[in-house]
């Protein structure tokens, strides 16, 4: 199993086991719900606009079934992304 920390900086996925179209579990250790977003090119504009992949409740985990090429948290916070 592999874990990465995801912030509000766009992260290009693609290193095993994180692949575009793949699955991951996102854990939110904070006291507020956080939104994980995906983009085709990480720019946030045009066809690469950020779209919501999941809203992760405070202190909870959720599965994302279709990862985008770039992912981020919509605010200045950190979530843990696990894949295995």
C-alpha atoms as a PDB file:
ATOM      1  CA  UNK A   1       0.000   0.000   0.000  1.00  0.00           C
ATOM      2  CA  UNK A   2       1.197   3.518  -0.738  1.00  0.00           C
ATOM      3  CA  UNK A   3       0.114   6.827   0.802  1.00  0.00           C
ATOM      4  CA  UNK A   4       0.623  10.395  -0.374  1.00  0.00           C
ATOM      5  CA  UNK A   5      -0.268  13.660   1.320  1.00  0.00           C
ATOM      6  CA  UNK A   6      -2.407  15.858  -0.891  1.00  0.00           C
ATOM      7  CA  UNK A   7      -2.641  19.643  -0.473  1.00  0.00           C
ATOM      8  CA  UNK A   8      -4.127  22.483  -2.522  1.00  0.00           C
ATOM      9  CA  UNK A   9      -1.184  22.264  -4.939  1.00  0.00           C
ATOM     10  CA  UNK A  10      -2.015  20.270  -8.085  1.00  0.00           C
ATOM     11  CA  UNK A  11      -0.428  16.829  -8.012  1.00  0.00           C
ATOM     12  CA  UNK A  12       0.092  14.908 -11.234  1.00  0.00           C
ATOM     13  CA  UNK A  13      -0.636  11.258 -10.587  1.00  0.00           C
ATOM     14  CA  UNK A  14       0.678   8.393 -12.636  1.00  0.00           C
ATOM     15  CA  UNK A  15       3.217   6.666 -10.418  1.00  0.00           C
ATOM     16  CA  UNK A  16       2.144   3.202  -9.298  1.00  0.00           C
ATOM     17  CA  UNK A  17      -0.284   2.562  -7.699  1.00  0.00           C
ATOM     18  CA  UNK A  18      -1.912   5.925  -8.525  1.00  0.00           C
ATOM     19  CA  UNK A  19      -3.159   5.966 -12.110  1.00  0.00           C
ATOM     20  CA  UNK A  20      -5.626   8.066 -14.100  1.00  0.00           C
ATOM     21  CA  UNK A  21      -8.951   6.269 -13.913  1.00  0.00           C
ATOM     22  CA  UNK A  22      -7.800   4.228 -10.925  1.00  0.00           C
ATOM     23  CA  UNK A  23      -9.152   4.068  -7.397  1.00  0.00           C
ATOM     24  CA  UNK A  24      -7.911   5.508  -4.119  1.00  0.00           C
ATOM     25  CA  UNK A  25      -9.106   6.004  -0.559  1.00  0.00           C
ATOM     26  CA  UNK A  26      -8.944   9.539   0.806  1.00  0.00           C
ATOM     27  CA  UNK A  27      -8.668  10.120   4.563  1.00  0.00           C
ATOM     28  CA  UNK A  28      -9.490  13.531   5.999  1.00  0.00           C
ATOM     29  CA  UNK A  29      -7.816  14.000   9.424  1.00  0.00           C
ATOM     30  CA  UNK A  30      -9.179  17.533   9.899  1.00  0.00           C
ATOM     31  CA  UNK A  31     -12.222  18.842  11.781  1.00  0.00           C
ATOM     32  CA  UNK A  32     -13.996  20.066   8.621  1.00  0.00           C
ATOM     33  CA  UNK A  33     -15.218  18.500   5.383  1.00  0.00           C
ATOM     34  CA  UNK A  34     -12.763  18.836   2.504  1.00  0.00           C
ATOM     35  CA  UNK A  35     -13.279  18.689  -1.254  1.00  0.00           C
ATOM     36  CA  UNK A  36     -10.900  16.686  -3.437  1.00  0.00           C
ATOM     37  CA  UNK A  37     -10.834  17.977  -6.998  1.00  0.00           C
ATOM     38  CA  UNK A  38      -9.555  16.597 -10.282  1.00  0.00           C
ATOM     39  CA  UNK A  39      -8.416  18.173 -13.538  1.00  0.00           C
ATOM     40  CA  UNK A  40      -7.237  16.934 -16.916  1.00  0.00           C
ATOM     41  CA  UNK A  41      -4.257  19.300 -17.095  1.00  0.00           C
ATOM     42  CA  UNK A  42      -3.902  20.898 -13.651  1.00  0.00           C
ATOM     43  CA  UNK A  43      -4.526  24.446 -14.883  1.00  0.00           C
ATOM     44  CA  UNK A  44      -8.083  24.896 -13.646  1.00  0.00           C
ATOM     45  CA  UNK A  45      -9.121  26.605 -16.875  1.00  0.00           C
ATOM     46  CA  UNK A  46     -10.983  25.536 -20.013  1.00  0.00           C
ATOM     47  CA  UNK A  47     -11.102  21.784 -20.482  1.00  0.00           C
ATOM     48  CA  UNK A  48      -8.782  21.464 -17.482  1.00  0.00           C
ATOM     49  CA  UNK A  49     -11.227  23.095 -15.054  1.00  0.00           C
ATOM     50  CA  UNK A  50     -11.260  21.611 -11.551  1.00  0.00           C
ATOM     51  CA  UNK A  51     -14.173  19.257 -10.854  1.00  0.00           C
ATOM     52  CA  UNK A  52     -15.219  17.747  -7.534  1.00  0.00           C
ATOM     53  CA  UNK A  53     -14.158  14.109  -7.205  1.00  0.00           C
ATOM     54  CA  UNK A  54     -15.306  13.695  -3.598  1.00  0.00           C
ATOM     55  CA  UNK A  55     -16.367  15.572  -0.494  1.00  0.00           C
ATOM     56  CA  UNK A  56     -14.632  13.894   2.430  1.00  0.00           C
ATOM     57  CA  UNK A  57     -16.345  14.356   5.814  1.00  0.00           C
ATOM     58  CA  UNK A  58     -14.269  15.499   8.800  1.00  0.00           C
ATOM     59  CA  UNK A  59     -12.299  12.645  10.352  1.00  0.00           C
ATOM     60  CA  UNK A  60     -13.586  10.146   7.788  1.00  0.00           C
ATOM     61  CA  UNK A  61     -12.535   8.264   4.648  1.00  0.00           C
ATOM     62  CA  UNK A  62     -14.105   7.939   1.210  1.00  0.00           C
ATOM     63  CA  UNK A  63     -13.232   6.032  -1.949  1.00  0.00           C
ATOM     64  CA  UNK A  64     -12.639   7.837  -5.220  1.00  0.00           C
ATOM     65  CA  UNK A  65     -13.362   5.459  -8.090  1.00  0.00           C
ATOM     66  CA  UNK A  66     -12.068   7.445 -11.075  1.00  0.00           C
ATOM     67  CA  UNK A  67      -8.929   9.503 -10.447  1.00  0.00           C
ATOM     68  CA  UNK A  68      -8.223  12.433 -12.740  1.00  0.00           C
ATOM     69  CA  UNK A  69      -4.700  13.047 -14.130  1.00  0.00           C
ATOM     70  CA  UNK A  70      -4.235  15.900 -11.606  1.00  0.00           C
ATOM     71  CA  UNK A  71      -5.737  16.031  -8.108  1.00  0.00           C
ATOM     72  CA  UNK A  72      -5.771  18.541  -5.248  1.00  0.00           C
ATOM     73  CA  UNK A  73      -7.663  19.674  -2.154  1.00  0.00           C
ATOM     74  CA  UNK A  74      -9.808  22.733  -2.870  1.00  0.00           C
ATOM     75  CA  UNK A  75      -8.565  24.634   0.224  1.00  0.00           C
ATOM     76  CA  UNK A  76      -5.331  25.029   2.171  1.00  0.00           C
ATOM     77  CA  UNK A  77      -5.584  21.685   3.954  1.00  0.00           C
ATOM     78  CA  UNK A  78      -4.086  18.209   3.723  1.00  0.00           C
ATOM     79  CA  UNK A  79      -5.683  14.804   3.150  1.00  0.00           C
ATOM     80  CA  UNK A  80      -4.052  11.380   2.979  1.00  0.00           C
ATOM     81  CA  UNK A  81      -4.557   9.434  -0.249  1.00  0.00           C
ATOM     82  CA  UNK A  82      -4.064   5.659  -0.074  1.00  0.00           C
ATOM     83  CA  UNK A  83      -3.905   3.097  -2.837  1.00  0.00           C
ATOM     84  CA  UNK A  84      -2.867  -0.464  -2.817  1.00  0.00           C
END
